[in-house]
C-alpha atoms as a PDB file:
ATOM      1  CA  MET A   1     306.278  97.373  -0.132  1.00  0.00           C
ATOM      2  CA  SER A   2     305.108 100.535  -1.006  1.00  0.00           C
ATOM      3  CA  VAL A   3     301.888 101.977   0.491  1.00  0.00           C
ATOM      4  CA  ASP A   4     300.076 101.969  -2.689  1.00  0.00           C
ATOM      5  CA  ALA A   5     300.708  98.116  -3.077  1.00  0.00           C
ATOM      6  CA  GLU A   6     299.915  97.457   0.175  1.00  0.00           C
ATOM      7  CA  LEU A   7     296.882  99.365  -0.023  1.00  0.00           C
ATOM      8  CA  GLU A   8     296.056  97.428  -3.295  1.00  0.00           C
ATOM      9  CA  ASN A   9     296.609  94.078  -1.326  1.00  0.00           C
ATOM     10  CA  TRP A  10     294.123  94.966   1.087  1.00  0.00           C
ATOM     11  CA  ARG A  11     291.624  96.623  -1.505  1.00  0.00           C
ATOM     12  CA  ARG A  12     291.981  92.580  -2.935  1.00  0.00           C
ATOM     13  CA  ASP A  13     291.757  91.055  -0.029  1.00  0.00           C
ATOM     14  CA  TRP A  14     288.626  93.173   1.077  1.00  0.00           C
ATOM     15  CA  GLN A  15     286.802  92.786  -2.050  1.00  0.00           C
ATOM     16  CA  ALA A  16     287.426  88.702  -2.350  1.00  0.00           C
ATOM     17  CA  ALA A  17     286.495  88.257   1.332  1.00  0.00           C
ATOM     18  CA  ASP A  18     283.483  86.152   1.535  1.00  0.00           C
ATOM     19  CA  ALA A  19     280.398  89.104   2.385  1.00  0.00           C
ATOM     20  CA  VAL A  20     278.031  88.180   5.085  1.00  0.00           C
ATOM     21  CA  PRO A  21     274.656  87.784   3.956  1.00  0.00           C
ATOM     22  CA  LEU A  22     272.432  90.400   5.545  1.00  0.00           C
ATOM     23  CA  ASP A  23     269.858  88.050   7.412  1.00  0.00           C
ATOM     24  CA  LEU A  24     272.708  86.198   8.965  1.00  0.00           C
ATOM     25  CA  ARG A  25     274.622  89.493  10.238  1.00  0.00           C
ATOM     26  CA  LYS A  26     271.123  90.966  11.134  1.00  0.00           C
ATOM     27  CA  SER A  27     270.410  87.128  13.248  1.00  0.00           C
ATOM     28  CA  VAL A  28     273.785  87.290  14.958  1.00  0.00           C
ATOM     29  CA  GLU A  29     273.233  91.191  16.136  1.00  0.00           C
ATOM     30  CA  ARG A  30     269.603  90.434  17.364  1.00  0.00           C
ATOM     31  CA  GLN A  31     271.055  87.365  19.050  1.00  0.00           C
ATOM     32  CA  THR A  32     273.734  89.570  21.073  1.00  0.00           C
ATOM     33  CA  ARG A  33     271.326  91.810  21.825  1.00  0.00           C
ATOM     34  CA  LEU A  34     269.079  89.222  23.377  1.00  0.00           C
ATOM     35  CA  MET A  35     272.344  87.917  25.223  1.00  0.00           C
ATOM     36  CA  ARG A  36     272.770  91.360  26.928  1.00  0.00           C
ATOM     37  CA  LEU A  37     269.180  91.809  28.038  1.00  0.00           C
ATOM     38  CA  GLY A  38     269.324  88.233  29.374  1.00  0.00           C
ATOM     39  CA  LEU A  39     272.310  89.677  31.272  1.00  0.00           C
ATOM     40  CA  LEU A  40     270.455  92.441  32.484  1.00  0.00           C
ATOM     41  CA  ALA A  41     267.373  89.984  33.611  1.00  0.00           C
ATOM     42  CA  ASP A  42     270.021  88.069  35.344  1.00  0.00           C
ATOM     43  CA  ALA A  43     271.353  90.716  37.237  1.00  0.00           C
ATOM     44  CA  LEU A  44     267.602  91.963  38.443  1.00  0.00           C
ATOM     45  CA  VAL A  45     266.501  88.435  39.281  1.00  0.00           C
ATOM     46  CA  THR A  46     269.900  88.063  41.212  1.00  0.00           C
ATOM     47  CA  ALA A  47     269.041  91.502  42.974  1.00  0.00           C
ATOM     48  CA  ALA A  48     265.718  90.386  43.923  1.00  0.00           C
ATOM     49  CA  MET A  49     265.699  87.498  44.756  1.00  0.00           C
ATOM     50  CA  GLY A  50     269.317  87.384  46.699  1.00  0.00           C
ATOM     51  CA  GLY A  51     268.661  90.706  47.983  1.00  0.00           C
ATOM     52  CA  GLY A  52     264.909  89.631  49.172  1.00  0.00           C
ATOM     53  CA  THR A  53     265.785  86.785  50.823  1.00  0.00           C
ATOM     54  CA  SER A  54     269.033  88.312  52.423  1.00  0.00           C
ATOM     55  CA  TRP A  55     266.969  91.246  53.966  1.00  0.00           C
ATOM     56  CA  TRP A  56     264.378  88.925  54.971  1.00  0.00           C
ATOM     57  CA  ALA A  57     267.267  86.787  56.667  1.00  0.00           C
ATOM     58  CA  VAL A  58     268.748  89.733  58.290  1.00  0.00           C
ATOM     59  CA  SER A  59     265.245  90.834  59.332  1.00  0.00           C
ATOM     60  CA  SER A  60     263.953  87.903  60.783  1.00  0.00           C
ATOM     61  CA  ARG A  61     266.960  86.698  62.570  1.00  0.00           C
ATOM     62  CA  GLN A  62     265.495  82.953  62.052  1.00  0.00           C
ATOM     63  CA  ALA A  63     268.176  80.290  61.536  1.00  0.00           C
ATOM     64  CA  ASP A  64     265.633  78.369  58.760  1.00  0.00           C
ATOM     65  CA  VAL A  65     265.272  81.955  56.961  1.00  0.00           C
ATOM     66  CA  ALA A  66     269.114  82.366  56.856  1.00  0.00           C
ATOM     67  CA  LEU A  67     269.493  78.608  55.267  1.00  0.00           C
ATOM     68  CA  LEU A  68     266.724  79.602  52.633  1.00  0.00           C
ATOM     69  CA  SER A  69     268.788  82.957  51.871  1.00  0.00           C
ATOM     70  CA  VAL A  70     272.253  80.887  51.746  1.00  0.00           C
ATOM     71  CA  ALA A  71     270.732  78.260  49.165  1.00  0.00           C
ATOM     72  CA  THR A  72     269.223  81.035  47.119  1.00  0.00           C
ATOM     73  CA  TRP A  73     272.850  82.736  46.694  1.00  0.00           C
ATOM     74  CA  VAL A  74     274.174  79.262  45.942  1.00  0.00           C
ATOM     75  CA  PHE A  75     271.791  78.577  43.309  1.00  0.00           C
ATOM     76  CA  LEU A  76     272.199  82.334  41.930  1.00  0.00           C
ATOM     77  CA  ALA A  77     276.108  81.621  42.067  1.00  0.00           C
ATOM     78  CA  VAL A  78     275.731  78.274  40.418  1.00  0.00           C
ATOM     79  CA  ALA A  79     273.619  79.889  37.265  1.00  0.00           C
ATOM     80  CA  TRP A  80     276.005  82.622  37.023  1.00  0.00           C
ATOM     81  CA  ALA A  81     278.754  80.504  37.074  1.00  0.00           C
ATOM     82  CA  PHE A  82     276.998  78.251  34.250  1.00  0.00           C
ATOM     83  CA  GLY A  83     275.905  81.364  32.355  1.00  0.00           C
ATOM     84  CA  VAL A  84     279.557  82.940  32.229  1.00  0.00           C
ATOM     85  CA  ALA A  85     281.197  79.265  31.150  1.00  0.00           C
ATOM     86  CA  VAL A  86     278.375  79.231  28.511  1.00  0.00           C
ATOM     87  CA  ASN A  87     278.622  82.518  26.790  1.00  0.00           C
ATOM     88  CA  ALA A  88     282.176  82.573  27.014  1.00  0.00           C
ATOM     89  CA  GLY A  89     283.641  83.281  23.487  1.00  0.00           C
ATOM     90  CA  ARG A  90     280.184  83.492  21.987  1.00  0.00           C
ATOM     91  CA  TRP A  91     279.776  87.279  21.883  1.00  0.00           C
ATOM     92  CA  GLU A  92     281.017  88.083  18.576  1.00  0.00           C
ATOM     93  CA  PRO A  93     282.353  86.197  15.220  1.00  0.00           C
ATOM     94  CA  SER A  94     285.986  85.705  15.315  1.00  0.00           C
ATOM     95  CA  ALA A  95     285.979  87.269  11.770  1.00  0.00           C
ATOM     96  CA  LEU A  96     283.892  89.339   9.296  1.00  0.00           C
ATOM     97  CA  ASP A  97     282.673  86.937   7.034  1.00  0.00           C
ATOM     98  CA  SER A  98     280.054  84.254   6.261  1.00  0.00           C
ATOM     99  CA  LYS A  99     281.723  81.189   8.161  1.00  0.00           C
ATOM    100  CA  ALA A 100     282.650  83.250  11.408  1.00  0.00           C
ATOM    101  CA  PHE A 101     279.036  84.210  11.675  1.00  0.00           C
ATOM    102  CA  LEU A 102     277.626  80.830  10.825  1.00  0.00           C
ATOM    103  CA  ASP A 103     280.071  79.077  13.480  1.00  0.00           C
ATOM    104  CA  LEU A 104     278.840  82.028  15.935  1.00  0.00           C
ATOM    105  CA  SER A 105     275.554  81.093  15.155  1.00  0.00           C
ATOM    106  CA  ILE A 106     275.881  77.186  15.445  1.00  0.00           C
ATOM    107  CA  SER A 107     278.093  77.686  18.614  1.00  0.00           C
ATOM    108  CA  ARG A 108     275.150  79.463  20.230  1.00  0.00           C
ATOM    109  CA  CYS A 109     272.552  77.168  19.142  1.00  0.00           C
ATOM    110  CA  ARG A 110     274.351  74.599  21.017  1.00  0.00           C
ATOM    111  CA  ALA A 111     274.799  76.843  24.011  1.00  0.00           C
ATOM    112  CA  ARG A 112     271.359  77.344  24.203  1.00  0.00           C
ATOM    113  CA  LEU A 113     270.567  73.409  24.213  1.00  0.00           C
ATOM    114  CA  ALA A 114     273.096  73.133  26.883  1.00  0.00           C
ATOM    115  CA  THR A 115     271.496  76.107  28.612  1.00  0.00           C
ATOM    116  CA  VAL A 116     268.010  74.351  28.172  1.00  0.00           C
ATOM    117  CA  LYS A 117     269.476  71.099  30.063  1.00  0.00           C
ATOM    118  CA  PHE A 118     271.333  73.004  32.764  1.00  0.00           C
ATOM    119  CA  GLY A 119     267.604  75.126  33.339  1.00  0.00           C
ATOM    120  CA  ALA A 120     265.755  72.214  33.722  1.00  0.00           C
ATOM    121  CA  GLY A 121     268.212  70.494  36.102  1.00  0.00           C
ATOM    122  CA  LEU A 122     268.480  73.652  38.164  1.00  0.00           C
ATOM    123  CA  ALA A 123     264.887  74.071  38.420  1.00  0.00           C
ATOM    124  CA  VAL A 124     264.093  70.725  39.477  1.00  0.00           C
ATOM    125  CA  CYS A 125     266.704  71.322  42.339  1.00  0.00           C
ATOM    126  CA  GLU A 126     265.027  74.616  43.465  1.00  0.00           C
ATOM    127  CA  PHE A 127     261.510  73.254  43.242  1.00  0.00           C
ATOM    128  CA  VAL A 128     262.808  70.402  45.330  1.00  0.00           C
ATOM    129  CA  PHE A 129     264.607  72.545  48.032  1.00  0.00           C
ATOM    130  CA  GLY A 130     261.548  74.995  47.662  1.00  0.00           C
ATOM    131  CA  LEU A 131     258.863  72.543  48.597  1.00  0.00           C
ATOM    132  CA  VAL A 132     260.929  70.666  51.304  1.00  0.00           C
ATOM    133  CA  TRP A 133     261.682  74.275  53.026  1.00  0.00           C
ATOM    134  CA  VAL A 134     257.647  74.960  52.666  1.00  0.00           C
ATOM    135  CA  TYR A 135     256.681  71.771  54.194  1.00  0.00           C
ATOM    136  CA  ARG A 136     259.126  71.965  57.066  1.00  0.00           C
ATOM    137  CA  HIS A 137     257.273  75.128  58.001  1.00  0.00           C
ATOM    138  CA  SER A 138     253.949  74.334  57.570  1.00  0.00           C
ATOM    139  CA  PRO A 139     251.867  74.503  60.872  1.00  0.00           C
ATOM    140  CA  GLU A 140     250.009  70.966  59.830  1.00  0.00           C
ATOM    141  CA  ARG A 141     252.230  68.363  58.432  1.00  0.00           C
ATOM    142  CA  PRO A 142     249.741  65.782  56.661  1.00  0.00           C
ATOM    143  CA  PRO A 143     251.738  62.945  54.674  1.00  0.00           C
ATOM    144  CA  VAL A 144     253.744  64.465  52.268  1.00  0.00           C
ATOM    145  CA  LEU A 145     252.217  62.694  49.310  1.00  0.00           C
ATOM    146  CA  MET A 146     248.619  64.247  50.416  1.00  0.00           C
ATOM    147  CA  TRP A 147     250.362  67.682  50.925  1.00  0.00           C
ATOM    148  CA  LEU A 148     252.405  67.602  47.533  1.00  0.00           C
ATOM    149  CA  PHE A 149     249.053  67.235  45.488  1.00  0.00           C
ATOM    150  CA  PHE A 150     246.903  69.795  45.552  1.00  0.00           C
ATOM    151  CA  SER A 151     246.561  70.524  49.144  1.00  0.00           C
ATOM    152  CA  SER A 152     246.471  74.211  48.800  1.00  0.00           C
ATOM    153  CA  LEU A 153     246.459  77.077  46.475  1.00  0.00           C
ATOM    154  CA  PRO A 154     250.231  78.080  46.760  1.00  0.00           C
ATOM    155  CA  ILE A 155     251.044  74.415  46.366  1.00  0.00           C
ATOM    156  CA  ASP A 156     248.910  74.635  43.181  1.00  0.00           C
ATOM    157  CA  PHE A 157     250.596  77.465  41.933  1.00  0.00           C
ATOM    158  CA  VAL A 158     253.833  75.615  42.006  1.00  0.00           C
ATOM    159  CA  TRP A 159     252.790  72.793  40.105  1.00  0.00           C
ATOM    160  CA  VAL A 160     251.233  75.278  37.645  1.00  0.00           C
ATOM    161  CA  PHE A 161     254.188  77.213  37.378  1.00  0.00           C
ATOM    162  CA  ALA A 162     256.543  74.172  37.153  1.00  0.00           C
ATOM    163  CA  ALA A 163     254.319  72.764  34.224  1.00  0.00           C
ATOM    164  CA  GLY A 164     254.552  76.404  32.612  1.00  0.00           C
ATOM    165  CA  ILE A 165     258.568  76.056  33.182  1.00  0.00           C
ATOM    166  CA  CYS A 166     258.607  72.783  31.473  1.00  0.00           C
ATOM    167  CA  ALA A 167     256.242  73.363  28.576  1.00  0.00           C
ATOM    168  CA  LEU A 168     258.431  76.662  27.742  1.00  0.00           C
ATOM    169  CA  LEU A 169     261.533  74.459  28.059  1.00  0.00           C
ATOM    170  CA  VAL A 170     260.375  71.712  25.584  1.00  0.00           C
ATOM    171  CA  TRP A 171     259.462  74.670  23.150  1.00  0.00           C
ATOM    172  CA  TYR A 172     262.600  76.495  22.959  1.00  0.00           C
ATOM    173  CA  ARG A 173     264.602  73.421  22.976  1.00  0.00           C
ATOM    174  CA  ARG A 174     262.551  72.333  20.048  1.00  0.00           C
ATOM    175  CA  LYS A 175     262.854  75.936  18.007  1.00  0.00           C
ATOM    176  CA  LYS A 176     266.845  75.334  19.018  1.00  0.00           C
ATOM    177  CA  LYS A 177     267.141  72.056  17.577  1.00  0.00           C
ATOM    178  CA  ALA A 178     265.455  72.787  14.383  1.00  0.00           C
ATOM    179  CA  GLU A 179     267.649  75.991  14.144  1.00  0.00           C
ATOM    180  CA  LEU A 180     271.027  74.032  14.937  1.00  0.00           C
ATOM    181  CA  ASP A 181     269.656  71.425  12.176  1.00  0.00           C
ATOM    182  CA  TYR A 182     269.284  74.108   9.689  1.00  0.00           C
ATOM    183  CA  LEU A 183     272.585  75.824  10.491  1.00  0.00           C
ATOM    184  CA  LEU A 184     274.053  72.565  10.261  1.00  0.00           C
ATOM    185  CA  GLN A 185     272.674  71.792   6.759  1.00  0.00           C
ATOM    186  CA  VAL A 186     273.631  75.433   5.553  1.00  0.00           C
ATOM    187  CA  ARG A 187     277.103  74.913   6.540  1.00  0.00           C
ATOM    188  CA  GLN A 188     277.713  71.078   5.264  1.00  0.00           C
ATOM    189  CA  GLU A 189     276.199  72.924   1.474  1.00  0.00           C
ATOM    190  CA  SER A 190     278.518  75.901   1.737  1.00  0.00           C
ATOM    191  CA  ALA A 191     281.414  73.514   2.098  1.00  0.00           C
END
């Protein structure tokens, strides 16, 4: 086959290729930027929380603080393992056509919905561990239920923070579910 004929075939294939709508391309590019920012935020949280508790454990030389540091690193490792797994293969479309961009967007929505479930479960585990650890280190140990329900300003803060996290997860899940439903409808209509 001559070079000219091959170039003509490439030109025809390129012109016949499904052009990616600009808004879909921009949406995927924005999601990719947000994924990169999320990775940076995860690294900063890891350095701050893991490094902070490690520093505290080394400087205090207390076994219970070392336990807190180890638990922090376990939670961080689990979160990182999930993050790597859920984002695997979702960094760029498999091809430069509308179908690939749409499939990537759908895959990312499903991954974010799985992340909400994982995040809720991990947050519950972290809150339970943290509250148990703090209760064990309270100077006075009133009955657990009395202590848990608004016994001090720090405990009040934990409940307000937990409620905020819960509300954020519910809002984000609804948003991603609506986006997924829309994308699935678009894929069905274009099939």
